[in-house]
Amino acid sequence: MKKSTTSTTANLCAFARAHHSSFAHKKIFDDYLSFDLMGQDLFEKTGLLIQNKFKKEKFSINESLNSKKIMKELKEFIAPIPLSRIAFFEKEVKKFADRFAQIQYVICGAGFDTFAFRNDNKGIRIFEIDHPNTQALKKERISSLEWNASSISFVPVDFAKDDMNTKLLKSGFRSDLPTFFSIPGVSYYLTLPILESTVKKIENLVEAPVEICLDFPDQTTFKRAENDRVSVLAKITEGLSEAMTGTYSFTELKEMLSQHGFYIDRHMTPEEIQEEFFSGRDDGLHAFENVHFLTANNFKENR
């Protein structure tokens, strides 16, 4: 049987959440179930990847993870985006749930997301979309932990051959219910036309109120010095065979979304992300200079 796998960058994001929740004194977000869901074996292997400067070929079977050896790379390159992103995304989905009595929450590229096991709002039905291999590993971990996953509808989607809408509908998705779509960490690897195709699918799928939440790298991403940490992170992901290709201006995203009936509700610039999630810290964590968060919805009052 082929061993289930997850993407390396998804593992790094999960590691950042698990490590921060386990060891940080002043938490940006407490994803207190992330270590358990990830499991010690994958946690240590991912930590060793950081410890070996993201070079897989340098691993030694006798090497042990030393947190002190990874802190610089973890805080500078890996942790800032996933920590602030999950804090922003979950705040927004809870606001959406407060607005409607019953909602659907679709997480695109869920990875080791633990929201379903921390959520106490029974009015939220969760759909997790992910590659079949990634989802299989997550389900193995949930089973081994004996967690109750009854609140999750798992939607395995291989985007190379599957239609997201068809898969969602087969999983019990209802087009008549208000739905919040979370698209974390995806835009970095897509061109604008491909991202637009996903927005169009959402537009065609849901007849009720919809909100889309995503993070995106701006147009300065590939115009920085080689030693700038944005450029270094891009080189890291490319070395892990997950090259970043997408960059967007706020204006072009706003125009694209409006063409499909979605209007910006909230846009957080890098400066605003720094102020909200990182101000007053003395541990070396800072918002990325090129990353923005936004929500857009099809509510009439935003038109």
Foldseek 3Di string as FASTA:
>chain_A
DDAFDDALLLLLLLLLQCCQLVDPPDALDNPPCSDLLCDPVSSFLSQVCQLVVNDPVPDDPPDGRDVVSRQVVCQLFRRQQSRLQVSVVVVVVVVVCVVDVAEEEEEAACQSPDCQVVDPRPRYAYEYEDAPSSVVSSVVSCVVVVHDPPSYQYQHDDPVPDDPLVSCVVSPDDQEGEYEYEYEPPQQQDEPVVVLVVLLSNLVRHPYKYKYKYKFFAPCQPVDDCPPSSNVNQVSCVSSVRHGDHHHHPVVVQVSNVVSQKHWDDKAAQVNSQVPRPPPDDSNHGGDNGMMITMIINDPVRD
